[in-house]
Amino acid sequence: MPARSSKRLGDANQLAKLIVDIATGEAKASWVDPATGKNTAAVALGRLGGKKGGAARRDSLSPERRSEIARAAAAVRWNNNDR
């Protein structure tokens, strides 16, 4: 079974045209960022979900619970003697 991220064009002629367009510079192979090697669409979706998730969690927690979480995080940062 092919990986989810691999999408193939249905027709060999379409694939050939895409390859020629990329080779001649008419179309960019923009689905992969050359600097990071990551799929730009996947990065955008992950960032979108991450931005929504943090705000949703913040809004769903009570101020007391947020304070408890922050206090526990600070304790871990300050009491970490492994460094």
N, C-alpha and C. Protein backbone atom coordinates (compact mmCIF):
# COMPACT_ATOMS: atom_id res chain seq x y z
N MET A 1 0.84 -1.17 0.00
CA MET A 1 0.00 0.00 0.00
C MET A 1 0.89 1.24 0.00
N PRO A 2 0.62 2.22 -0.88
CA PRO A 2 1.46 3.40 -0.94
C PRO A 2 1.26 4.30 0.28
N ALA A 3 2.26 5.08 0.57
CA ALA A 3 2.17 6.01 1.70
C ALA A 3 1.12 7.06 1.40
N ARG A 4 0.54 7.61 2.43
CA ARG A 4 -0.50 8.62 2.27
C ARG A 4 0.01 9.86 1.57
N SER A 5 1.24 10.23 1.84
CA SER A 5 1.75 11.49 1.31
C SER A 5 2.09 11.42 -0.18
N SER A 6 2.17 10.21 -0.74
CA SER A 6 2.51 10.13 -2.15
C SER A 6 1.23 10.20 -2.98
N LYS A 7 1.16 11.21 -3.82
CA LYS A 7 0.00 11.37 -4.69
C LYS A 7 0.50 11.28 -6.12
N ARG A 8 -0.10 10.43 -6.90
CA ARG A 8 0.32 10.24 -8.28
C ARG A 8 -0.74 10.80 -9.20
N LEU A 9 -0.28 11.32 -10.32
CA LEU A 9 -1.22 11.78 -11.33
C LEU A 9 -1.83 10.56 -11.99
N GLY A 10 -3.08 10.66 -12.39
CA GLY A 10 -3.78 9.53 -12.94
C GLY A 10 -3.29 9.10 -14.32
N ASP A 11 -2.71 10.02 -15.06
CA ASP A 11 -2.35 9.73 -16.44
C ASP A 11 -0.84 9.93 -16.61
N ALA A 12 -0.21 9.05 -17.38
CA ALA A 12 1.23 9.17 -17.61
C ALA A 12 1.56 10.44 -18.38
N ASN A 13 0.66 10.87 -19.25
CA ASN A 13 0.89 12.11 -20.01
C ASN A 13 0.89 13.33 -19.10
N GLN A 14 0.02 13.34 -18.11
CA GLN A 14 0.00 14.44 -17.15
C GLN A 14 1.30 14.51 -16.36
N LEU A 15 1.78 13.34 -15.95
CA LEU A 15 3.04 13.28 -15.22
C LEU A 15 4.19 13.77 -16.09
N ALA A 16 4.21 13.36 -17.36
CA ALA A 16 5.27 13.79 -18.27
C ALA A 16 5.24 15.31 -18.46
N LYS A 17 4.06 15.87 -18.61
CA LYS A 17 3.95 17.32 -18.77
C LYS A 17 4.42 18.04 -17.51
N LEU A 18 4.06 17.53 -16.35
CA LEU A 18 4.50 18.14 -15.10
C LEU A 18 6.03 18.11 -15.00
N ILE A 19 6.64 17.00 -15.36
CA ILE A 19 8.11 16.89 -15.29
C ILE A 19 8.76 17.88 -16.25
N VAL A 20 8.22 18.01 -17.45
CA VAL A 20 8.77 18.97 -18.42
C VAL A 20 8.59 20.39 -17.90
N ASP A 21 7.42 20.70 -17.35
CA ASP A 21 7.17 22.05 -16.82
C ASP A 21 8.13 22.39 -15.68
N ILE A 22 8.39 21.44 -14.83
CA ILE A 22 9.32 21.68 -13.73
C ILE A 22 10.73 21.87 -14.27
N ALA A 23 11.12 21.05 -15.23
CA ALA A 23 12.46 21.12 -15.80
C ALA A 23 12.70 22.43 -16.55
N THR A 24 11.67 22.95 -17.21
CA THR A 24 11.83 24.19 -17.97
C THR A 24 11.57 25.43 -17.13
N GLY A 25 11.13 25.25 -15.89
CA GLY A 25 10.90 26.39 -15.01
C GLY A 25 9.52 27.00 -15.13
N GLU A 26 8.64 26.41 -15.91
CA GLU A 26 7.28 26.91 -16.03
C GLU A 26 6.46 26.62 -14.78
N ALA A 27 6.76 25.54 -14.12
CA ALA A 27 6.09 25.19 -12.88
C ALA A 27 7.16 24.90 -11.84
N LYS A 28 6.86 25.25 -10.61
CA LYS A 28 7.81 24.99 -9.53
C LYS A 28 7.39 23.75 -8.77
N ALA A 29 8.35 22.99 -8.34
CA ALA A 29 8.08 21.86 -7.46
C ALA A 29 8.01 22.43 -6.05
N SER A 30 6.92 23.11 -5.75
CA SER A 30 6.83 23.89 -4.51
C SER A 30 6.32 23.09 -3.33
N TRP A 31 6.04 21.81 -3.51
CA TRP A 31 5.51 21.06 -2.39
C TRP A 31 6.59 20.71 -1.38
N VAL A 32 7.88 20.85 -1.74
CA VAL A 32 8.97 20.57 -0.80
C VAL A 32 9.85 21.80 -0.71
N ASP A 33 10.06 22.27 0.51
CA ASP A 33 10.93 23.42 0.75
C ASP A 33 12.38 22.95 0.66
N PRO A 34 13.19 23.50 -0.25
CA PRO A 34 14.56 23.01 -0.40
C PRO A 34 15.42 23.27 0.83
N ALA A 35 15.11 24.29 1.61
CA ALA A 35 15.92 24.59 2.79
C ALA A 35 15.71 23.56 3.89
N THR A 36 14.47 23.14 4.09
CA THR A 36 14.18 22.22 5.19
C THR A 36 13.90 20.81 4.73
N GLY A 37 13.50 20.65 3.46
CA GLY A 37 13.15 19.33 2.96
C GLY A 37 11.79 18.86 3.42
N LYS A 38 10.96 19.80 3.91
CA LYS A 38 9.64 19.44 4.42
C LYS A 38 8.56 19.86 3.44
N ASN A 39 7.46 19.16 3.48
CA ASN A 39 6.30 19.46 2.66
C ASN A 39 5.67 20.75 3.19
N THR A 40 5.63 21.78 2.35
CA THR A 40 5.14 23.08 2.81
C THR A 40 3.67 23.05 3.19
N ALA A 41 2.86 22.26 2.49
CA ALA A 41 1.45 22.17 2.84
C ALA A 41 1.27 21.50 4.20
N ALA A 42 2.05 20.46 4.47
CA ALA A 42 1.96 19.78 5.76
C ALA A 42 2.42 20.69 6.89
N VAL A 43 3.45 21.46 6.64
CA VAL A 43 3.94 22.40 7.65
C VAL A 43 2.87 23.44 7.96
N ALA A 44 2.21 23.95 6.92
CA ALA A 44 1.16 24.95 7.13
C ALA A 44 0.00 24.37 7.92
N LEU A 45 -0.40 23.14 7.59
CA LEU A 45 -1.50 22.52 8.33
C LEU A 45 -1.12 22.27 9.79
N GLY A 46 0.09 21.82 10.03
CA GLY A 46 0.52 21.58 11.40
C GLY A 46 0.59 22.85 12.21
N ARG A 47 1.06 23.91 11.58
CA ARG A 47 1.13 25.20 12.27
C ARG A 47 -0.27 25.71 12.58
N LEU A 48 -1.18 25.56 11.63
CA LEU A 48 -2.55 26.01 11.83
C LEU A 48 -3.19 25.28 13.01
N GLY A 49 -3.03 23.97 13.04
CA GLY A 49 -3.59 23.19 14.15
C GLY A 49 -2.94 23.53 15.47
N GLY A 50 -1.62 23.74 15.46
CA GLY A 50 -0.91 24.08 16.69
C GLY A 50 -1.33 25.43 17.24
N LYS A 51 -1.55 26.38 16.35
CA LYS A 51 -1.98 27.70 16.79
C LYS A 51 -3.38 27.65 17.37
N LYS A 52 -4.26 26.85 16.78
CA LYS A 52 -5.63 26.73 17.30
C LYS A 52 -5.64 25.95 18.61
N GLY A 53 -4.82 24.90 18.68
CA GLY A 53 -4.84 24.03 19.84
C GLY A 53 -4.42 24.71 21.13
N GLY A 54 -3.37 25.53 21.05
CA GLY A 54 -2.90 26.21 22.26
C GLY A 54 -3.92 27.20 22.79
N ALA A 55 -4.52 27.95 21.89
CA ALA A 55 -5.52 28.93 22.31
C ALA A 55 -6.77 28.24 22.85
N ALA A 56 -7.17 27.15 22.22
CA ALA A 56 -8.35 26.41 22.68
C ALA A 56 -8.10 25.83 24.07
N ARG A 57 -6.90 25.32 24.29
CA ARG A 57 -6.59 24.76 25.62
C ARG A 57 -6.56 25.86 26.66
N ARG A 58 -5.96 26.99 26.32
CA ARG A 58 -5.91 28.12 27.25
C ARG A 58 -7.32 28.57 27.63
N ASP A 59 -8.20 28.66 26.66
CA ASP A 59 -9.55 29.14 26.92
C ASP A 59 -10.38 28.13 27.70
N SER A 60 -10.06 26.85 27.58
CA SER A 60 -10.85 25.83 28.27
C SER A 60 -10.42 25.63 29.72
N LEU A 61 -9.22 26.06 30.08
CA LEU A 61 -8.74 25.87 31.45
C LEU A 61 -9.15 27.03 32.34
N SER A 62 -9.40 26.70 33.60
CA SER A 62 -9.71 27.76 34.56
C SER A 62 -8.41 28.47 34.93
N PRO A 63 -8.50 29.70 35.42
CA PRO A 63 -7.28 30.41 35.83
C PRO A 63 -6.50 29.66 36.92
N GLU A 64 -7.22 28.98 37.81
CA GLU A 64 -6.54 28.23 38.87
C GLU A 64 -5.74 27.07 38.29
N ARG A 65 -6.34 26.37 37.32
CA ARG A 65 -5.65 25.23 36.71
C ARG A 65 -4.45 25.69 35.89
N ARG A 66 -4.59 26.81 35.18
CA ARG A 66 -3.45 27.36 34.43
C ARG A 66 -2.32 27.72 35.38
N SER A 67 -2.68 28.26 36.53
CA SER A 67 -1.67 28.63 37.53
C SER A 67 -0.96 27.38 38.07
N GLU A 68 -1.72 26.31 38.31
CA GLU A 68 -1.11 25.06 38.77
C GLU A 68 -0.12 24.52 37.74
N ILE A 69 -0.51 24.54 36.48
CA ILE A 69 0.35 24.04 35.42
C ILE A 69 1.62 24.88 35.33
N ALA A 70 1.47 26.21 35.40
CA ALA A 70 2.63 27.10 35.32
C ALA A 70 3.55 26.90 36.52
N ARG A 71 2.97 26.70 37.69
CA ARG A 71 3.77 26.49 38.90
C ARG A 71 4.56 25.19 38.80
N ALA A 72 3.92 24.13 38.30
CA ALA A 72 4.61 22.85 38.14
C ALA A 72 5.74 22.96 37.10
N ALA A 73 5.49 23.69 36.02
CA ALA A 73 6.52 23.85 35.00
C ALA A 73 7.71 24.63 35.55
N ALA A 74 7.45 25.67 36.31
CA ALA A 74 8.53 26.45 36.90
C ALA A 74 9.33 25.60 37.88
N ALA A 75 8.65 24.78 38.66
CA ALA A 75 9.34 23.91 39.62
C ALA A 75 10.26 22.94 38.89
N VAL A 76 9.81 22.39 37.79
CA VAL A 76 10.65 21.47 37.02
C VAL A 76 11.86 22.22 36.47
N ARG A 77 11.64 23.43 35.96
CA ARG A 77 12.77 24.20 35.40
C ARG A 77 13.78 24.54 36.47
N TRP A 78 13.33 24.96 37.62
CA TRP A 78 14.26 25.41 38.65
C TRP A 78 14.88 24.27 39.45
N ASN A 79 14.21 23.12 39.53
CA ASN A 79 14.72 22.02 40.33
C ASN A 79 15.43 20.96 39.52
N ASN A 80 15.70 21.21 38.25
CA ASN A 80 16.36 20.24 37.41
C ASN A 80 17.87 20.30 37.66
N ASN A 81 18.40 19.29 38.36
CA ASN A 81 19.83 19.27 38.71
C ASN A 81 20.65 18.44 37.73
N ASP A 82 20.05 18.00 36.63
CA ASP A 82 20.77 17.15 35.66
C ASP A 82 21.69 17.95 34.77
N ARG A 83 21.63 19.24 34.81
CA ARG A 83 22.43 20.04 33.88
C ARG A 83 23.83 20.20 34.34
